[in-house]
Amino acid sequence: MPPVSELPSLRLGRGEAVDAVPAGRSKRAVVSSLGIGQILAWSSSYYLTAVLPLPVAEDTGWAPTWTVGALSIGLLISGLVSPIVGRLIERHGGRPVLAVSAVLIAAGLAVLAAAPNLQTFIAGWIVIGLGMGAGLYDAVFSALGRLYGDGARSAISQVTLFGGFASSVSWPAGTYLVAHVGWRQTCLVFAAVDLVLLLPLYLVGLPRETRAVCISEPSASAVPIPIPARSRLKFYLLATSLTLASVAMAIISVHLLTLLRLFGVGAVVAVTLGTLLGPLQVGGRALEMSIGRNLHPVFSMIASTVLVAIGLALLFGDTTLIAIGIVILGVGSGIRSIVRGTLPLALFGREGYATLMGKLAVPTLLAQAAAPSAGAWLLEHFSPAASLVALLGIALLNVVSALLLLPFRHPA
């Protein structure tokens, strides 16, 4: 175990900081546990909606709008609880928070499986939303930042490499299970996986950490320290850039196949191109790890935004250009997944990182919750070309917001 002097120091309020001491876990073991855990957590929550809505609607008669919309409600809940999750991780470390997230997702899936009506089904997604807020990327990045401080960048990159395979695992497994045992039993299977595999992964693979305490008097620790105007501007620019990126990619992720079909791409070709996004995102993350690791993360952010804008622009072309555009889109999206955790750490430092990630997660997750409905509204009321122009406009705004972060890459 590294000496205490090499571990991140956490400060709450204006008192003396107390070090968080990981107890006997190698970095490789922690990264492997969190990486496999992210595959399971994403597979049993966010990505499960790709296979559940239609079977649920056919079996129950509930409107497909609501079977899909329940995910948006879950994402809304996850965004609202993110600041609380960040503070809990800052205070207690990632291990207990992530363990609770596994239990919450499993409990929500059990509610879905037993749901006698739509209201109970939505309630199940609310519980899953609590688990997503406490157990997906933002919470994991916060946990890694608390453990490794400024050295968390490589760990964050490696965990996102694992997470990129979540859709490749959940979609085939979910489709197979729904076809053979039904959607309710599928929910129970994923719930059992979370309790039998995911929960022990967190409890065994992650170290116990010393609870961060403040030696100062309670009244002082409760007084918020004013943020300098330069830091506030930096925070708002970063939040804007991450939110715009989330909006664009959330709409693309949900509506890409529909958009391609409206542009005249055949069903088989559209599905084939759509399935490339997941592996391409993994490729983008690997590229960032190999090339971008020696650069400031703000340059990776700019590269990501530019690639997404170029990829969207190429969707106006023929099938060949569309295929090239999807490749570029996937790579840009993969890079963004890493930057989402590394750029805040580079711009603001390790002190208070978990709390910062919780605050940044609010607008991005709320945007992700609204994006599918916003994309559907665009496609319903405007032409496919006009809808794509709107998406391209968002992507270009994101390029500008990322470029505005360049002056802040050096610590104040």
Protein backbone atom coordinates (compact mmCIF):
# COMPACT_ATOMS: atom_id res chain seq x y z
CA MET A 1 0.00 0.00 0.00
CA PRO A 2 1.38 3.48 -0.83
CA PRO A 3 2.35 5.67 2.09
CA VAL A 4 -0.22 8.07 3.46
CA SER A 5 1.72 11.02 2.10
CA GLU A 6 1.02 9.87 -1.46
CA LEU A 7 -2.72 9.58 -0.97
CA PRO A 8 -5.29 12.29 -1.78
CA SER A 9 -6.08 14.68 1.02
CA LEU A 10 -9.74 15.57 1.42
CA ARG A 11 -10.99 18.75 2.99
CA LEU A 12 -14.48 19.61 4.12
CA GLY A 13 -14.97 23.22 5.07
CA ARG A 14 -12.13 25.31 6.56
CA GLY A 15 -10.53 22.85 8.89
CA GLU A 16 -7.62 20.50 8.78
CA ALA A 17 -7.80 17.80 6.11
CA VAL A 18 -7.69 14.11 7.01
CA ASP A 19 -6.24 11.68 4.50
CA ALA A 20 -8.33 8.93 2.91
CA VAL A 21 -6.35 5.74 3.26
CA PRO A 22 -7.14 2.83 0.87
CA ALA A 23 -6.63 -0.44 2.68
CA GLY A 24 -4.79 -3.11 0.74
CA ARG A 25 -6.20 -3.01 -2.82
CA SER A 26 -4.03 -2.67 -5.88
CA LYS A 27 -5.03 -0.12 -8.49
CA ARG A 28 -5.48 -2.92 -11.03
CA ALA A 29 -7.90 -4.73 -8.72
CA VAL A 30 -9.91 -1.56 -8.11
CA VAL A 31 -10.08 -0.69 -11.83
CA SER A 32 -11.07 -4.27 -12.75
CA SER A 33 -13.81 -4.34 -10.11
CA LEU A 34 -15.21 -0.99 -11.16
CA GLY A 35 -14.88 -1.79 -14.87
CA ILE A 36 -16.73 -5.09 -14.67
CA GLY A 37 -19.16 -3.44 -12.28
CA GLN A 38 -19.93 -0.74 -14.85
CA ILE A 39 -20.71 -3.36 -17.50
CA LEU A 40 -23.21 -4.96 -15.11
CA ALA A 41 -24.65 -1.69 -13.80
CA TRP A 42 -25.23 -0.14 -17.23
CA SER A 43 -26.55 -3.45 -18.60
CA SER A 44 -29.16 -3.79 -15.86
CA SER A 45 -30.34 -0.18 -15.97
CA TYR A 46 -29.85 2.28 -18.84
CA TYR A 47 -29.25 -0.18 -21.68
CA LEU A 48 -32.07 -2.49 -20.60
CA THR A 49 -34.56 -0.03 -22.08
CA ALA A 50 -33.40 -0.97 -25.57
CA VAL A 51 -35.05 -4.40 -25.22
CA LEU A 52 -37.86 -3.89 -22.69
CA PRO A 53 -40.30 -1.19 -23.95
CA LEU A 54 -41.90 -3.08 -26.84
CA PRO A 55 -42.36 -6.42 -25.02
CA VAL A 56 -43.72 -4.57 -21.98
CA ALA A 57 -46.18 -2.62 -24.12
CA GLU A 58 -47.32 -5.74 -26.00
CA ASP A 59 -47.79 -7.73 -22.79
CA THR A 60 -49.52 -5.08 -20.69
CA GLY A 61 -51.18 -2.74 -23.14
CA TRP A 62 -49.39 0.25 -21.59
CA ALA A 63 -48.53 3.02 -24.04
CA PRO A 64 -45.02 2.66 -25.53
CA THR A 65 -44.52 6.37 -24.82
CA TRP A 66 -44.70 5.61 -21.11
CA THR A 67 -42.66 2.42 -21.19
CA VAL A 68 -39.87 4.46 -22.80
CA GLY A 69 -40.64 7.61 -20.81
CA ALA A 70 -40.09 5.73 -17.55
CA LEU A 71 -36.36 5.74 -18.35
CA SER A 72 -36.46 9.53 -18.69
CA ILE A 73 -38.04 9.72 -15.26
CA GLY A 74 -35.29 7.47 -13.90
CA LEU A 75 -32.62 9.69 -15.47
CA LEU A 76 -34.32 12.76 -14.01
CA ILE A 77 -34.14 11.21 -10.55
CA SER A 78 -30.49 10.23 -11.05
CA GLY A 79 -29.64 13.82 -11.95
CA LEU A 80 -31.45 15.24 -8.93
CA VAL A 81 -29.64 12.96 -6.47
CA SER A 82 -26.18 13.37 -8.02
CA PRO A 83 -25.06 16.28 -5.79
CA ILE A 84 -26.01 14.27 -2.69
CA VAL A 85 -24.12 11.25 -4.06
CA GLY A 86 -21.05 13.39 -4.69
CA ARG A 87 -21.05 14.68 -1.12
CA LEU A 88 -21.51 11.16 0.26
CA ILE A 89 -18.57 9.85 -1.75
CA GLU A 90 -16.48 12.84 -0.69
CA ARG A 91 -17.29 12.05 2.93
CA HIS A 92 -17.37 8.23 3.06
CA GLY A 93 -15.62 7.01 -0.08
CA GLY A 94 -17.00 5.12 -3.06
CA ARG A 95 -17.33 1.62 -1.59
CA PRO A 96 -20.51 2.05 0.51
CA VAL A 97 -22.22 4.33 -2.02
CA LEU A 98 -21.60 2.00 -4.96
CA ALA A 99 -22.70 -1.01 -2.92
CA VAL A 100 -25.99 0.73 -2.14
CA SER A 101 -26.40 1.52 -5.85
CA ALA A 102 -26.25 -2.20 -6.71
CA VAL A 103 -28.98 -2.94 -4.16
CA LEU A 104 -31.15 -0.07 -5.43
CA ILE A 105 -30.94 -1.16 -9.08
CA ALA A 106 -31.77 -4.74 -8.09
CA ALA A 107 -34.71 -3.56 -5.97
CA GLY A 108 -36.02 -1.41 -8.81
CA LEU A 109 -35.82 -4.33 -11.24
CA ALA A 110 -37.77 -6.47 -8.79
CA VAL A 111 -40.47 -3.78 -8.67
CA LEU A 112 -40.61 -3.78 -12.49
CA ALA A 113 -40.98 -7.56 -12.55
CA ALA A 114 -43.92 -7.46 -10.13
CA ALA A 115 -45.55 -4.28 -11.46
CA PRO A 116 -49.34 -4.79 -11.75
CA ASN A 117 -49.88 -1.37 -13.32
CA LEU A 118 -48.06 1.46 -15.05
CA GLN A 119 -47.73 3.52 -11.89
CA THR A 120 -45.80 0.74 -10.16
CA PHE A 121 -43.66 0.28 -13.29
CA ILE A 122 -42.71 3.96 -13.17
CA ALA A 123 -42.03 3.66 -9.43
CA GLY A 124 -39.59 0.86 -10.22
CA TRP A 125 -37.73 3.14 -12.61
CA ILE A 126 -37.59 5.82 -9.94
CA VAL A 127 -35.79 3.34 -7.67
CA ILE A 128 -33.50 2.36 -10.55
CA GLY A 129 -32.87 6.08 -11.12
CA LEU A 130 -31.62 6.38 -7.56
CA GLY A 131 -29.29 3.45 -8.24
CA MET A 132 -28.07 4.98 -11.51
CA GLY A 133 -27.31 8.28 -9.78
CA ALA A 134 -25.26 6.43 -7.17
CA GLY A 135 -23.63 3.83 -9.41
CA LEU A 136 -22.89 4.92 -12.99
CA TYR A 137 -19.95 6.83 -14.41
CA ASP A 138 -20.17 10.08 -12.43
CA ALA A 139 -20.21 8.23 -9.10
CA VAL A 140 -17.39 5.91 -10.20
CA PHE A 141 -15.26 8.83 -11.40
CA SER A 142 -15.85 10.52 -8.06
CA ALA A 143 -14.77 7.37 -6.22
CA LEU A 144 -11.59 7.12 -8.30
CA GLY A 145 -10.81 10.79 -7.80
CA ARG A 146 -11.10 10.38 -4.04
CA LEU A 147 -8.87 7.31 -4.08
CA TYR A 148 -6.11 8.45 -6.43
CA GLY A 149 -6.36 12.23 -6.67
CA ASP A 150 -4.43 13.64 -9.61
CA GLY A 151 -3.37 10.12 -10.58
CA ALA A 152 -6.95 9.05 -11.33
CA ARG A 153 -6.84 9.87 -15.05
CA SER A 154 -5.49 6.49 -16.19
CA ALA A 155 -7.93 4.64 -13.92
CA ILE A 156 -10.89 6.61 -15.28
CA SER A 157 -9.80 5.84 -18.84
CA GLN A 158 -9.47 2.13 -18.13
CA VAL A 159 -12.88 1.92 -16.44
CA THR A 160 -14.57 3.56 -19.44
CA LEU A 161 -12.94 0.96 -21.69
CA PHE A 162 -14.75 -1.74 -19.73
CA GLY A 163 -18.01 0.23 -19.74
CA GLY A 164 -17.97 0.51 -23.51
CA PHE A 165 -18.89 -3.16 -23.76
CA ALA A 166 -22.08 -2.80 -21.70
CA SER A 167 -24.42 -2.51 -24.68
CA SER A 168 -22.67 -5.42 -26.41
CA VAL A 169 -23.45 -7.55 -23.34
CA SER A 170 -26.91 -6.29 -22.35
CA TRP A 171 -28.63 -6.11 -25.72
CA PRO A 172 -27.98 -9.70 -26.85
CA ALA A 173 -28.50 -11.10 -23.33
CA GLY A 174 -31.65 -9.06 -22.76
CA THR A 175 -33.10 -9.93 -26.17
CA TYR A 176 -32.44 -13.65 -25.61
CA LEU A 177 -33.96 -13.65 -22.13
CA VAL A 178 -37.06 -11.71 -23.16
CA ALA A 179 -37.66 -14.13 -26.02
CA HIS A 180 -37.27 -17.24 -23.82
CA VAL A 181 -38.51 -16.31 -20.34
CA GLY A 182 -40.42 -13.04 -20.77
CA TRP A 183 -39.68 -9.48 -19.74
CA ARG A 184 -40.63 -9.88 -16.07
CA GLN A 185 -38.30 -12.81 -15.53
CA THR A 186 -35.60 -10.94 -17.47
CA CYS A 187 -35.81 -8.15 -14.89
CA LEU A 188 -35.44 -10.71 -12.11
CA VAL A 189 -32.41 -12.28 -13.78
CA PHE A 190 -30.66 -8.91 -14.03
CA ALA A 191 -31.63 -8.14 -10.42
CA ALA A 192 -30.06 -11.43 -9.30
CA VAL A 193 -26.89 -10.61 -11.27
CA ASP A 194 -26.63 -7.29 -9.44
CA LEU A 195 -26.96 -8.92 -6.04
CA VAL A 196 -24.83 -12.01 -6.72
CA LEU A 197 -22.07 -10.42 -8.84
CA LEU A 198 -22.19 -6.62 -8.77
CA LEU A 199 -22.60 -6.12 -5.03
CA PRO A 200 -19.73 -8.48 -4.06
CA LEU A 201 -17.51 -6.86 -6.72
CA TYR A 202 -17.86 -3.52 -4.97
CA LEU A 203 -17.56 -4.90 -1.44
CA VAL A 204 -14.53 -7.10 -2.16
CA GLY A 205 -12.80 -5.16 -4.93
CA LEU A 206 -12.90 -1.67 -3.41
CA PRO A 207 -10.96 -0.61 -0.32
CA ARG A 208 -12.44 0.71 2.87
CA GLU A 209 -11.52 4.36 3.20
CA THR A 210 -11.09 6.54 6.21
CA ARG A 211 -14.11 8.78 6.66
CA ALA A 212 -13.18 12.35 5.77
CA VAL A 213 -13.70 14.60 8.76
CA CYS A 214 -12.98 18.20 9.51
CA ILE A 215 -11.16 19.15 12.67
CA SER A 216 -12.58 22.68 12.66
CA GLU A 217 -15.65 23.71 14.57
CA PRO A 218 -18.99 22.73 12.99
CA SER A 219 -20.09 26.29 12.41
CA ALA A 220 -17.01 27.02 10.30
CA SER A 221 -17.35 23.87 8.24
CA ALA A 222 -20.92 24.75 7.40
CA VAL A 223 -19.94 28.14 5.90
CA PRO A 224 -19.52 27.84 2.13
CA ILE A 225 -16.22 29.19 0.83
CA PRO A 226 -16.88 31.76 -1.92
CA ILE A 227 -15.79 30.66 -5.39
CA PRO A 228 -13.69 33.23 -7.26
CA ALA A 229 -15.33 34.68 -10.37
CA ARG A 230 -12.72 33.01 -12.61
CA SER A 231 -13.56 29.62 -11.15
CA ARG A 232 -17.28 30.21 -11.52
CA LEU A 233 -16.87 31.03 -15.20
CA LYS A 234 -14.73 27.92 -15.64
CA PHE A 235 -17.39 25.78 -13.95
CA TYR A 236 -20.22 27.18 -16.08
CA LEU A 237 -18.27 26.70 -19.31
CA LEU A 238 -17.42 23.13 -18.36
CA ALA A 239 -21.01 22.35 -17.37
CA THR A 240 -22.27 23.86 -20.64
CA SER A 241 -19.83 21.86 -22.75
CA LEU A 242 -20.60 18.56 -21.01
CA THR A 243 -24.35 19.20 -21.20
CA LEU A 244 -24.35 20.07 -24.90
CA ALA A 245 -22.33 16.94 -25.62
CA SER A 246 -24.80 14.83 -23.63
CA VAL A 247 -27.79 16.29 -25.49
CA ALA A 248 -26.33 15.64 -28.93
CA MET A 249 -25.19 12.08 -28.22
CA ALA A 250 -28.34 11.13 -26.28
CA ILE A 251 -30.53 12.13 -29.22
CA ILE A 252 -28.26 10.30 -31.66
CA SER A 253 -28.15 7.18 -29.49
CA VAL A 254 -31.95 6.95 -29.32
CA HIS A 255 -32.97 8.18 -32.77
CA LEU A 256 -30.06 7.28 -35.05
CA LEU A 257 -31.81 4.31 -36.68
CA THR A 258 -34.98 6.34 -37.26
CA LEU A 259 -32.97 9.21 -38.73
CA LEU A 260 -31.06 6.92 -41.07
CA ARG A 261 -34.28 5.30 -42.28
CA LEU A 262 -35.79 8.73 -42.95
CA PHE A 263 -32.72 9.55 -45.04
CA GLY A 264 -33.44 6.47 -47.14
CA VAL A 265 -30.92 4.04 -45.67
CA GLY A 266 -32.15 0.44 -45.78
CA ALA A 267 -33.20 -1.27 -42.55
CA VAL A 268 -30.39 -3.85 -42.54
CA VAL A 269 -27.73 -1.26 -43.35
CA ALA A 270 -29.11 1.15 -40.74
CA VAL A 271 -29.03 -1.49 -38.01
CA THR A 272 -25.53 -2.58 -39.02
CA LEU A 273 -24.24 0.99 -38.91
CA GLY A 274 -26.02 1.66 -35.62
CA THR A 275 -24.44 -1.33 -33.90
CA LEU A 276 -20.99 0.03 -34.77
CA LEU A 277 -21.37 2.91 -32.31
CA GLY A 278 -20.56 0.83 -29.21
CA PRO A 279 -17.30 -0.74 -30.49
CA LEU A 280 -16.27 2.59 -32.03
CA GLN A 281 -16.71 4.30 -28.67
CA VAL A 282 -14.36 1.74 -27.15
CA GLY A 283 -11.92 2.51 -29.97
CA GLY A 284 -12.17 6.22 -29.22
CA ARG A 285 -11.40 5.58 -25.56
CA ALA A 286 -8.40 3.44 -26.46
CA LEU A 287 -7.20 6.20 -28.79
CA GLU A 288 -7.48 8.80 -26.01
CA MET A 289 -5.55 6.54 -23.65
CA SER A 290 -2.70 6.03 -26.11
CA ILE A 291 -2.43 9.49 -27.69
CA GLY A 292 -4.25 11.89 -25.40
CA ARG A 293 -2.75 10.76 -22.10
CA ASN A 294 0.22 13.09 -22.59
CA LEU A 295 -2.00 16.08 -23.40
CA HIS A 296 -4.17 18.24 -21.19
CA PRO A 297 -7.74 16.82 -21.20
CA VAL A 298 -9.09 20.10 -22.62
CA PHE A 299 -7.47 19.17 -25.95
CA SER A 300 -9.22 15.79 -25.82
CA MET A 301 -12.49 17.64 -25.16
CA ILE A 302 -11.96 19.87 -28.19
CA ALA A 303 -11.08 16.86 -30.35
CA SER A 304 -14.22 15.08 -29.18
CA THR A 305 -16.51 18.01 -30.00
CA VAL A 306 -14.93 18.57 -33.42
CA LEU A 307 -15.22 14.86 -34.32
CA VAL A 308 -18.90 14.76 -33.29
CA ALA A 309 -19.65 17.86 -35.40
CA ILE A 310 -17.86 16.40 -38.44
CA GLY A 311 -19.62 13.06 -37.98
CA LEU A 312 -23.04 14.73 -37.87
CA ALA A 313 -22.25 16.80 -40.97
CA LEU A 314 -21.34 13.66 -42.92
CA LEU A 315 -24.78 12.17 -42.22
CA PHE A 316 -26.09 14.50 -44.97
CA GLY A 317 -24.14 12.49 -47.56
CA ASP A 318 -24.62 9.17 -49.30
CA THR A 319 -24.36 5.78 -47.60
CA THR A 320 -20.56 5.77 -47.75
CA LEU A 321 -20.27 9.22 -46.17
CA ILE A 322 -22.87 8.25 -43.57
CA ALA A 323 -20.80 5.19 -42.62
CA ILE A 324 -17.67 7.37 -42.30
CA GLY A 325 -19.68 9.87 -40.24
CA ILE A 326 -20.83 7.18 -37.81
CA VAL A 327 -17.23 6.00 -37.39
CA ILE A 328 -16.14 9.55 -36.54
CA LEU A 329 -19.17 10.03 -34.28
CA GLY A 330 -18.39 6.89 -32.34
CA VAL A 331 -14.74 7.83 -31.82
CA GLY A 332 -15.69 11.35 -30.69
CA SER A 333 -18.29 10.00 -28.28
CA GLY A 334 -15.80 7.51 -26.84
CA ILE A 335 -13.27 10.25 -26.15
CA ARG A 336 -15.98 12.33 -24.45
CA SER A 337 -16.71 9.52 -21.99
CA ILE A 338 -13.17 9.77 -20.63
CA VAL A 339 -13.01 13.57 -20.69
CA ARG A 340 -16.18 13.72 -18.63
CA GLY A 341 -14.16 12.44 -15.68
CA THR A 342 -10.62 13.69 -16.41
CA LEU A 343 -11.25 17.30 -17.44
CA PRO A 344 -12.94 18.40 -14.17
CA LEU A 345 -10.05 16.84 -12.25
CA ALA A 346 -7.48 18.69 -14.38
CA LEU A 347 -9.28 22.04 -14.21
CA PHE A 348 -10.24 22.06 -10.52
CA GLY A 349 -7.89 19.62 -8.80
CA ARG A 350 -8.60 16.70 -6.52
CA GLU A 351 -9.91 18.60 -3.48
CA GLY A 352 -13.70 18.43 -3.53
CA TYR A 353 -13.65 16.47 -6.80
CA ALA A 354 -16.48 14.10 -5.84
CA THR A 355 -18.72 17.00 -4.83
CA LEU A 356 -17.88 18.81 -8.08
CA MET A 357 -18.75 15.73 -10.14
CA GLY A 358 -22.10 15.53 -8.39
CA LYS A 359 -22.87 19.13 -9.34
CA LEU A 360 -21.74 18.66 -12.94
CA ALA A 361 -23.88 15.53 -13.26
CA VAL A 362 -27.12 17.44 -12.62
CA PRO A 363 -27.38 19.33 -15.94
CA THR A 364 -25.93 16.48 -18.01
CA LEU A 365 -28.30 13.85 -16.63
CA LEU A 366 -31.31 16.18 -16.84
CA ALA A 367 -30.37 16.85 -20.45
CA GLN A 368 -30.09 13.11 -21.12
CA ALA A 369 -33.53 12.64 -19.59
CA ALA A 370 -35.10 15.27 -21.86
CA ALA A 371 -33.11 14.49 -25.01
CA PRO A 372 -35.08 11.43 -26.26
CA SER A 373 -38.38 13.34 -26.09
CA ALA A 374 -36.78 16.41 -27.65
CA GLY A 375 -35.43 14.30 -30.51
CA ALA A 376 -38.84 12.70 -31.08
CA TRP A 377 -40.44 16.16 -31.16
CA LEU A 378 -37.91 17.36 -33.74
CA LEU A 379 -38.49 14.38 -36.01
CA GLU A 380 -42.26 14.69 -35.67
CA HIS A 381 -42.54 18.42 -36.43
CA PHE A 382 -39.62 19.01 -38.81
CA SER A 383 -37.99 17.28 -41.74
CA PRO A 384 -35.10 14.86 -41.15
CA ALA A 385 -32.70 17.39 -42.68
CA ALA A 386 -33.94 20.20 -40.39
CA SER A 387 -33.67 17.91 -37.36
CA LEU A 388 -30.09 17.05 -38.29
CA VAL A 389 -29.30 20.76 -38.78
CA ALA A 390 -30.54 21.38 -35.22
CA LEU A 391 -28.29 18.61 -33.92
CA LEU A 392 -25.34 19.99 -35.88
CA GLY A 393 -26.02 23.42 -34.40
CA ILE A 394 -25.81 21.95 -30.89
CA ALA A 395 -22.55 20.22 -31.82
CA LEU A 396 -21.03 23.45 -33.18
CA LEU A 397 -22.02 25.33 -30.02
CA ASN A 398 -20.24 22.58 -28.11
CA VAL A 399 -17.08 23.15 -30.14
CA VAL A 400 -17.18 26.84 -29.18
CA SER A 401 -17.76 26.08 -25.49
CA ALA A 402 -14.83 23.64 -25.48
CA LEU A 403 -12.53 26.17 -27.13
CA LEU A 404 -13.47 28.74 -24.49
CA LEU A 405 -12.01 26.39 -21.86
CA LEU A 406 -8.51 26.64 -23.36
CA PRO A 407 -7.39 29.65 -21.26
CA PHE A 408 -8.27 27.75 -18.08
CA ARG A 409 -6.07 24.72 -18.73
CA HIS A 410 -3.32 26.09 -16.48
CA PRO A 411 -4.12 26.09 -12.74
CA ALA A 412 -4.89 29.52 -11.30
